[in-house]
PDB file of all heavy atoms in Angstrom:
ATOM      1  N   PRO A   1       0.817  -1.217   0.000  1.00  0.00           N
ATOM      2  CA  PRO A   1       0.000   0.000   0.000  1.00  0.00           C
ATOM      3  C   PRO A   1       0.852   1.269   0.000  1.00  0.00           C
ATOM      4  O   PRO A   1       1.923   1.305   0.616  1.00  0.00           O
ATOM      5  CB  PRO A   1      -0.805  -0.120   1.302  1.00  0.00           C
ATOM      6  CG  PRO A   1      -0.841  -1.591   1.596  1.00  0.00           C
ATOM      7  CD  PRO A   1       0.478  -2.112   1.131  1.00  0.00           C
ATOM      8  N   VAL A   2       0.379   2.279  -0.702  1.00  0.00           N
ATOM      9  CA  VAL A   2       1.032   3.585  -0.677  1.00  0.00           C
ATOM     10  C   VAL A   2       0.614   4.280   0.615  1.00  0.00           C
ATOM     11  O   VAL A   2      -0.575   4.525   0.839  1.00  0.00           O
ATOM     12  CB  VAL A   2       0.635   4.431  -1.904  1.00  0.00           C
ATOM     13  CG1 VAL A   2       1.186   5.847  -1.779  1.00  0.00           C
ATOM     14  CG2 VAL A   2       1.134   3.770  -3.180  1.00  0.00           C
ATOM     15  N   VAL A   3       1.586   4.580   1.462  1.00  0.00           N
ATOM     16  CA  VAL A   3       1.306   5.141   2.784  1.00  0.00           C
ATOM     17  C   VAL A   3       2.064   6.456   2.956  1.00  0.00           C
ATOM     18  O   VAL A   3       3.300   6.454   3.068  1.00  0.00           O
ATOM     19  CB  VAL A   3       1.712   4.171   3.906  1.00  0.00           C
ATOM     20  CG1 VAL A   3       1.490   4.806   5.279  1.00  0.00           C
ATOM     21  CG2 VAL A   3       0.946   2.862   3.793  1.00  0.00           C
ATOM     22  N   PRO A   4       1.379   7.588   2.976  1.00  0.00           N
ATOM     23  CA  PRO A   4       2.046   8.855   3.284  1.00  0.00           C
ATOM     24  C   PRO A   4       2.521   8.852   4.736  1.00  0.00           C
ATOM     25  O   PRO A   4       1.873   8.308   5.614  1.00  0.00           O
ATOM     26  CB  PRO A   4       0.951   9.904   3.054  1.00  0.00           C
ATOM     27  CG  PRO A   4      -0.084   9.212   2.212  1.00  0.00           C
ATOM     28  CD  PRO A   4      -0.033   7.781   2.621  1.00  0.00           C
ATOM     29  N   GLU A   5       3.665   9.473   4.964  1.00  0.00           N
ATOM     30  CA  GLU A   5       4.291   9.409   6.283  1.00  0.00           C
ATOM     31  C   GLU A   5       3.727  10.392   7.302  1.00  0.00           C
ATOM     32  O   GLU A   5       3.751  10.136   8.500  1.00  0.00           O
ATOM     33  CB  GLU A   5       5.793   9.687   6.159  1.00  0.00           C
ATOM     34  CG  GLU A   5       6.582   8.598   5.475  1.00  0.00           C
ATOM     35  CD  GLU A   5       8.064   8.908   5.446  1.00  0.00           C
ATOM     36  OE1 GLU A   5       8.406  10.110   5.382  1.00  0.00           O
ATOM     37  OE2 GLU A   5       8.862   7.973   5.508  1.00  0.00           O
ATOM     38  N   MET A   6       3.266  11.540   6.840  1.00  0.00           N
ATOM     39  CA  MET A   6       2.903  12.608   7.761  1.00  0.00           C
ATOM     40  C   MET A   6       1.435  12.506   8.145  1.00  0.00           C
ATOM     41  O   MET A   6       0.549  12.598   7.291  1.00  0.00           O
ATOM     42  CB  MET A   6       3.173  13.973   7.122  1.00  0.00           C
ATOM     43  CG  MET A   6       4.622  14.152   6.676  1.00  0.00           C
ATOM     44  SD  MET A   6       5.811  13.963   8.025  1.00  0.00           S
ATOM     45  CE  MET A   6       5.425  15.426   8.979  1.00  0.00           C
ATOM     46  N   GLY A   7       1.200  12.271   9.444  1.00  0.00           N
ATOM     47  CA  GLY A   7      -0.179  12.129   9.895  1.00  0.00           C
ATOM     48  C   GLY A   7      -0.287  12.399  11.371  1.00  0.00           C
ATOM     49  O   GLY A   7       0.393  13.266  11.912  1.00  0.00           O
ATOM     50  N   SER A   8      -1.117  11.634  12.037  1.00  0.00           N
ATOM     51  CA  SER A   8      -1.370  11.857  13.454  1.00  0.00           C
ATOM     52  C   SER A   8      -0.139  11.544  14.281  1.00  0.00           C
ATOM     53  O   SER A   8       0.650  10.662  13.961  1.00  0.00           O
ATOM     54  CB  SER A   8      -2.544  10.984  13.909  1.00  0.00           C
ATOM     55  OG  SER A   8      -2.315   9.637  13.557  1.00  0.00           O
ATOM     56  N   VAL A   9       0.016  12.276  15.363  1.00  0.00           N
ATOM     57  CA  VAL A   9       1.123  12.073  16.285  1.00  0.00           C
ATOM     58  C   VAL A   9       0.549  12.048  17.695  1.00  0.00           C
ATOM     59  O   VAL A   9      -0.195  12.941  18.079  1.00  0.00           O
ATOM     60  CB  VAL A   9       2.170  13.202  16.168  1.00  0.00           C
ATOM     61  CG1 VAL A   9       3.271  12.994  17.197  1.00  0.00           C
ATOM     62  CG2 VAL A   9       2.759  13.244  14.768  1.00  0.00           C
ATOM     63  N   GLY A  10       0.858  11.014  18.452  1.00  0.00           N
ATOM     64  CA  GLY A  10       0.439  10.956  19.844  1.00  0.00           C
ATOM     65  C   GLY A  10      -0.914  10.312  20.060  1.00  0.00           C
ATOM     66  O   GLY A  10      -1.313  10.061  21.178  1.00  0.00           O
ATOM     67  N   GLU A  11      -1.647  10.054  19.004  1.00  0.00           N
ATOM     68  CA  GLU A  11      -2.943   9.381  19.128  1.00  0.00           C
ATOM     69  C   GLU A  11      -2.902   8.087  18.321  1.00  0.00           C
ATOM     70  O   GLU A  11      -3.823   7.751  17.592  1.00  0.00           O
ATOM     71  CB  GLU A  11      -4.067  10.272  18.589  1.00  0.00           C
ATOM     72  CG  GLU A  11      -4.258  11.562  19.370  1.00  0.00           C
ATOM     73  CD  GLU A  11      -4.881  11.308  20.739  1.00  0.00           C
ATOM     74  OE1 GLU A  11      -5.360  10.193  20.958  1.00  0.00           O
ATOM     75  OE2 GLU A  11      -4.873  12.228  21.567  1.00  0.00           O
ATOM     76  N   ALA A  12      -1.795   7.357  18.426  1.00  0.00           N
ATOM     77  CA  ALA A  12      -1.503   6.195  17.599  1.00  0.00           C
ATOM     78  C   ALA A  12      -1.264   6.665  16.167  1.00  0.00           C
ATOM     79  O   ALA A  12      -1.385   7.842  15.846  1.00  0.00           O
ATOM     80  CB  ALA A  12      -2.620   5.157  17.661  1.00  0.00           C
ATOM     81  N   ASP A  13      -0.888   5.746  15.304  1.00  0.00           N
ATOM     82  CA  ASP A  13      -0.569   6.100  13.916  1.00  0.00           C
ATOM     83  C   ASP A  13      -1.821   5.966  13.047  1.00  0.00           C
ATOM     84  O   ASP A  13      -1.833   5.284  12.014  1.00  0.00           O
ATOM     85  CB  ASP A  13       0.545   5.192  13.405  1.00  0.00           C
ATOM     86  CG  ASP A  13       1.795   5.271  14.271  1.00  0.00           C
ATOM     87  OD1 ASP A  13       2.100   6.372  14.754  1.00  0.00           O
ATOM     88  OD2 ASP A  13       2.451   4.234  14.460  1.00  0.00           O
ATOM     89  N   LEU A  14      -2.879   6.617  13.477  1.00  0.00           N
ATOM     90  CA  LEU A  14      -4.197   6.415  12.866  1.00  0.00           C
ATOM     91  C   LEU A  14      -4.213   6.691  11.370  1.00  0.00           C
ATOM     92  O   LEU A  14      -4.696   5.873  10.578  1.00  0.00           O
ATOM     93  CB  LEU A  14      -5.232   7.311  13.557  1.00  0.00           C
ATOM     94  CG  LEU A  14      -5.415   7.118  15.062  1.00  0.00           C
ATOM     95  CD1 LEU A  14      -6.374   8.170  15.606  1.00  0.00           C
ATOM     96  CD2 LEU A  14      -5.931   5.729  15.362  1.00  0.00           C
ATOM     97  N   THR A  15      -3.704   7.856  10.987  1.00  0.00           N
ATOM     98  CA  THR A  15      -3.872   8.259   9.589  1.00  0.00           C
ATOM     99  C   THR A  15      -2.981   7.462   8.649  1.00  0.00           C
ATOM    100  O   THR A  15      -3.396   7.134   7.540  1.00  0.00           O
ATOM    101  CB  THR A  15      -3.598   9.762   9.422  1.00  0.00           C
ATOM    102  OG1 THR A  15      -2.275  10.058   9.860  1.00  0.00           O
ATOM    103  CG2 THR A  15      -4.578  10.584  10.234  1.00  0.00           C
ATOM    104  N   GLN A  16      -1.756   7.161   9.084  1.00  0.00           N
ATOM    105  CA  GLN A  16      -0.886   6.364   8.222  1.00  0.00           C
ATOM    106  C   GLN A  16      -1.460   4.952   8.018  1.00  0.00           C
ATOM    107  O   GLN A  16      -1.532   4.447   6.901  1.00  0.00           O
ATOM    108  CB  GLN A  16       0.528   6.257   8.813  1.00  0.00           C
ATOM    109  CG  GLN A  16       1.258   7.594   8.917  1.00  0.00           C
ATOM    110  CD  GLN A  16       1.134   8.192  10.306  1.00  0.00           C
ATOM    111  OE1 GLN A  16       0.118   8.022  10.982  1.00  0.00           O
ATOM    112  NE2 GLN A  16       2.173   8.903  10.739  1.00  0.00           N
ATOM    113  N   LEU A  17      -1.880   4.342   9.118  1.00  0.00           N
ATOM    114  CA  LEU A  17      -2.370   2.964   9.040  1.00  0.00           C
ATOM    115  C   LEU A  17      -3.694   2.863   8.289  1.00  0.00           C
ATOM    116  O   LEU A  17      -4.009   1.824   7.716  1.00  0.00           O
ATOM    117  CB  LEU A  17      -2.524   2.392  10.449  1.00  0.00           C
ATOM    118  CG  LEU A  17      -1.220   2.287  11.253  1.00  0.00           C
ATOM    119  CD1 LEU A  17      -1.499   1.707  12.631  1.00  0.00           C
ATOM    120  CD2 LEU A  17      -0.196   1.435  10.523  1.00  0.00           C
ATOM    121  N   ALA A  18      -4.464   3.943   8.282  1.00  0.00           N
ATOM    122  CA  ALA A  18      -5.733   3.913   7.551  1.00  0.00           C
ATOM    123  C   ALA A  18      -5.512   3.671   6.067  1.00  0.00           C
ATOM    124  O   ALA A  18      -6.359   3.067   5.386  1.00  0.00           O
ATOM    125  CB  ALA A  18      -6.488   5.220   7.759  1.00  0.00           C
ATOM    126  N   HIS A  19      -4.368   4.092   5.534  1.00  0.00           N
ATOM    127  CA  HIS A  19      -4.098   3.898   4.109  1.00  0.00           C
ATOM    128  C   HIS A  19      -3.857   2.418   3.784  1.00  0.00           C
ATOM    129  O   HIS A  19      -4.119   1.980   2.657  1.00  0.00           O
ATOM    130  CB  HIS A  19      -2.903   4.752   3.683  1.00  0.00           C
ATOM    131  CG  HIS A  19      -3.222   6.217   3.627  1.00  0.00           C
ATOM    132  ND1 HIS A  19      -3.678   6.839   2.493  1.00  0.00           N
ATOM    133  CD2 HIS A  19      -3.186   7.178   4.588  1.00  0.00           C
ATOM    134  CE1 HIS A  19      -3.893   8.126   2.746  1.00  0.00           C
ATOM    135  NE2 HIS A  19      -3.604   8.352   4.020  1.00  0.00           N
ATOM    136  N   ILE A  20      -3.382   1.658   4.756  1.00  0.00           N
ATOM    137  CA  ILE A  20      -3.265   0.211   4.556  1.00  0.00           C
ATOM    138  C   ILE A  20      -4.657  -0.410   4.552  1.00  0.00           C
ATOM    139  O   ILE A  20      -4.965  -1.267   3.725  1.00  0.00           O
ATOM    140  CB  ILE A  20      -2.385  -0.420   5.651  1.00  0.00           C
ATOM    141  CG1 ILE A  20      -0.956   0.128   5.541  1.00  0.00           C
ATOM    142  CG2 ILE A  20      -2.383  -1.946   5.528  1.00  0.00           C
ATOM    143  CD1 ILE A  20      -0.018  -0.358   6.627  1.00  0.00           C
ATOM    144  N   GLY A  21      -5.519   0.046   5.469  1.00  0.00           N
ATOM    145  CA  GLY A  21      -6.904  -0.431   5.462  1.00  0.00           C
ATOM    146  C   GLY A  21      -7.611  -0.068   4.181  1.00  0.00           C
ATOM    147  O   GLY A  21      -8.399  -0.857   3.637  1.00  0.00           O
ATOM    148  N   LEU A  22      -7.330   1.117   3.658  1.00  0.00           N
ATOM    149  CA  LEU A  22      -7.934   1.562   2.402  1.00  0.00           C
ATOM    150  C   LEU A  22      -7.568   0.600   1.277  1.00  0.00           C
ATOM    151  O   LEU A  22      -8.420   0.224   0.453  1.00  0.00           O
ATOM    152  CB  LEU A  22      -7.446   2.978   2.086  1.00  0.00           C
ATOM    153  CG  LEU A  22      -8.232   3.792   1.068  1.00  0.00           C
ATOM    154  CD1 LEU A  22      -9.632   4.106   1.593  1.00  0.00           C
ATOM    155  CD2 LEU A  22      -7.492   5.100   0.754  1.00  0.00           C
ATOM    156  N   ALA A  23      -6.309   0.196   1.237  1.00  0.00           N
ATOM    157  CA  ALA A  23      -5.880  -0.750   0.203  1.00  0.00           C
ATOM    158  C   ALA A  23      -6.560  -2.106   0.361  1.00  0.00           C
ATOM    159  O   ALA A  23      -6.917  -2.756  -0.633  1.00  0.00           O
ATOM    160  CB  ALA A  23      -4.363  -0.908   0.251  1.00  0.00           C
ATOM    161  N   MET A  24      -6.756  -2.530   1.601  1.00  0.00           N
ATOM    162  CA  MET A  24      -7.377  -3.838   1.830  1.00  0.00           C
ATOM    163  C   MET A  24      -8.799  -3.910   1.288  1.00  0.00           C
ATOM    164  O   MET A  24      -9.244  -4.961   0.832  1.00  0.00           O
ATOM    165  CB  MET A  24      -7.373  -4.171   3.320  1.00  0.00           C
ATOM    166  CG  MET A  24      -6.024  -4.549   3.870  1.00  0.00           C
ATOM    167  SD  MET A  24      -6.182  -5.167   5.566  1.00  0.00           S
ATOM    168  CE  MET A  24      -4.478  -5.585   5.918  1.00  0.00           C
ATOM    169  N   ILE A  25      -9.514  -2.779   1.351  1.00  0.00           N
ATOM    170  CA  ILE A  25     -10.899  -2.801   0.864  1.00  0.00           C
ATOM    171  C   ILE A  25     -10.977  -2.451  -0.623  1.00  0.00           C
ATOM    172  O   ILE A  25     -12.064  -2.224  -1.155  1.00  0.00           O
ATOM    173  CB  ILE A  25     -11.799  -1.852   1.691  1.00  0.00           C
ATOM    174  CG1 ILE A  25     -11.347  -0.386   1.551  1.00  0.00           C
ATOM    175  CG2 ILE A  25     -11.825  -2.288   3.152  1.00  0.00           C
ATOM    176  CD1 ILE A  25     -12.277   0.594   2.262  1.00  0.00           C
ATOM    177  N   GLY A  26      -9.825  -2.435  -1.291  1.00  0.00           N
ATOM    178  CA  GLY A  26      -9.810  -2.249  -2.731  1.00  0.00           C
ATOM    179  C   GLY A  26      -9.780  -0.815  -3.191  1.00  0.00           C
ATOM    180  O   GLY A  26     -10.071  -0.525  -4.360  1.00  0.00           O
ATOM    181  N   GLU A  27      -9.417   0.097  -2.295  1.00  0.00           N
ATOM    182  CA  GLU A  27      -9.344   1.506  -2.668  1.00  0.00           C
ATOM    183  C   GLU A  27      -7.935   2.031  -2.405  1.00  0.00           C
ATOM    184  O   GLU A  27      -7.094   1.353  -1.827  1.00  0.00           O
ATOM    185  CB  GLU A  27     -10.403   2.301  -1.910  1.00  0.00           C
ATOM    186  CG  GLU A  27     -11.808   1.757  -2.152  1.00  0.00           C
ATOM    187  CD  GLU A  27     -12.893   2.699  -1.711  1.00  0.00           C
ATOM    188  OE1 GLU A  27     -12.702   3.916  -1.863  1.00  0.00           O
ATOM    189  OE2 GLU A  27     -13.920   2.211  -1.209  1.00  0.00           O
ATOM    190  N   GLY A  28      -7.670   3.240  -2.847  1.00  0.00           N
ATOM    191  CA  GLY A  28      -6.317   3.755  -2.717  1.00  0.00           C
ATOM    192  C   GLY A  28      -5.390   3.100  -3.722  1.00  0.00           C
ATOM    193  O   GLY A  28      -5.820   2.370  -4.624  1.00  0.00           O
ATOM    194  N   GLU A  29      -4.102   3.359  -3.556  1.00  0.00           N
ATOM    195  CA  GLU A  29      -3.106   2.844  -4.489  1.00  0.00           C
ATOM    196  C   GLU A  29      -2.089   1.964  -3.788  1.00  0.00           C
ATOM    197  O   GLU A  29      -1.866   2.079  -2.583  1.00  0.00           O
ATOM    198  CB  GLU A  29      -2.378   4.011  -5.172  1.00  0.00           C
ATOM    199  CG  GLU A  29      -3.261   4.838  -6.083  1.00  0.00           C
ATOM    200  CD  GLU A  29      -2.485   5.937  -6.784  1.00  0.00           C
ATOM    201  OE1 GLU A  29      -1.662   6.605  -6.112  1.00  0.00           O
ATOM    202  OE2 GLU A  29      -2.687   6.114  -7.995  1.00  0.00           O
ATOM    203  N   VAL A  30      -1.457   1.096  -4.577  1.00  0.00           N
ATOM    204  CA  VAL A  30      -0.417   0.201  -4.061  1.00  0.00           C
ATOM    205  C   VAL A  30       0.724   0.144  -5.058  1.00  0.00           C
ATOM    206  O   VAL A  30       0.553   0.464  -6.246  1.00  0.00           O
ATOM    207  CB  VAL A  30      -0.958  -1.229  -3.818  1.00  0.00           C
ATOM    208  CG1 VAL A  30      -2.102  -1.228  -2.811  1.00  0.00           C
ATOM    209  CG2 VAL A  30      -1.401  -1.874  -5.127  1.00  0.00           C
ATOM    210  N   ASN A  31       1.873  -0.279  -4.570  1.00  0.00           N
ATOM    211  CA  ASN A  31       2.998  -0.605  -5.447  1.00  0.00           C
ATOM    212  C   ASN A  31       3.025  -2.113  -5.628  1.00  0.00           C
ATOM    213  O   ASN A  31       2.996  -2.863  -4.646  1.00  0.00           O
ATOM    214  CB  ASN A  31       4.310  -0.109  -4.836  1.00  0.00           C
ATOM    215  CG  ASN A  31       4.380   1.402  -4.777  1.00  0.00           C
ATOM    216  OD1 ASN A  31       3.959   2.083  -5.707  1.00  0.00           O
ATOM    217  ND2 ASN A  31       4.910   1.938  -3.682  1.00  0.00           N
ATOM    218  N   TYR A  32       3.064  -2.534  -6.894  1.00  0.00           N
ATOM    219  CA  TYR A  32       2.979  -3.974  -7.186  1.00  0.00           C
ATOM    220  C   TYR A  32       3.815  -4.288  -8.415  1.00  0.00           C
ATOM    221  O   TYR A  32       3.558  -3.779  -9.505  1.00  0.00           O
ATOM    222  CB  TYR A  32       1.523  -4.373  -7.406  1.00  0.00           C
ATOM    223  CG  TYR A  32       1.308  -5.838  -7.737  1.00  0.00           C
ATOM    224  CD1 TYR A  32       1.711  -6.838  -6.854  1.00  0.00           C
ATOM    225  CD2 TYR A  32       0.683  -6.223  -8.919  1.00  0.00           C
ATOM    226  CE1 TYR A  32       1.504  -8.180  -7.148  1.00  0.00           C
ATOM    227  CE2 TYR A  32       0.463  -7.567  -9.217  1.00  0.00           C
ATOM    228  CZ  TYR A  32       0.881  -8.538  -8.326  1.00  0.00           C
ATOM    229  OH  TYR A  32       0.680  -9.869  -8.616  1.00  0.00           O
ATOM    230  N   LYS A  33       4.845  -5.091  -8.213  1.00  0.00           N
ATOM    231  CA  LYS A  33       5.724  -5.527  -9.302  1.00  0.00           C
ATOM    232  C   LYS A  33       6.278  -4.360 -10.110  1.00  0.00           C
ATOM    233  O   LYS A  33       6.322  -4.379 -11.342  1.00  0.00           O
ATOM    234  CB  LYS A  33       4.990  -6.515 -10.206  1.00  0.00           C
ATOM    235  CG  LYS A  33       4.637  -7.821  -9.498  1.00  0.00           C
ATOM    236  CD  LYS A  33       4.066  -8.854 -10.448  1.00  0.00           C
ATOM    237  CE  LYS A  33       3.833 -10.182  -9.717  1.00  0.00           C
ATOM    238  NZ  LYS A  33       3.269 -11.229 -10.627  1.00  0.00           N
ATOM    239  N   GLY A  34       6.685  -3.325  -9.387  1.00  0.00           N
ATOM    240  CA  GLY A  34       7.330  -2.201 -10.042  1.00  0.00           C
ATOM    241  C   GLY A  34       6.397  -1.143 -10.582  1.00  0.00           C
ATOM    242  O   GLY A  34       6.851  -0.162 -11.195  1.00  0.00           O
ATOM    243  N   TYR A  35       5.094  -1.310 -10.379  1.00  0.00           N
ATOM    244  CA  TYR A  35       4.117  -0.342 -10.887  1.00  0.00           C
ATOM    245  C   TYR A  35       3.242   0.157  -9.748  1.00  0.00           C
ATOM    246  O   TYR A  35       2.979  -0.562  -8.788  1.00  0.00           O
ATOM    247  CB  TYR A  35       3.227  -0.977 -11.964  1.00  0.00           C
ATOM    248  CG  TYR A  35       3.975  -1.385 -13.205  1.00  0.00           C
ATOM    249  CD1 TYR A  35       4.473  -2.679 -13.353  1.00  0.00           C
ATOM    250  CD2 TYR A  35       4.201  -0.475 -14.236  1.00  0.00           C
ATOM    251  CE1 TYR A  35       5.160  -3.060 -14.490  1.00  0.00           C
ATOM    252  CE2 TYR A  35       4.887  -0.850 -15.386  1.00  0.00           C
ATOM    253  CZ  TYR A  35       5.366  -2.139 -15.499  1.00  0.00           C
ATOM    254  OH  TYR A  35       6.049  -2.519 -16.632  1.00  0.00           O
TER     255      TYR A  35
END
């Protein structure tokens, strides 16, 4: 999954980790085999 680094601080890594969840449900972008 494409995960931007800058997000919530001190309240767990909510915003960064949400992008992994986004990929799991078929949304957002990922890097796969060089693309």
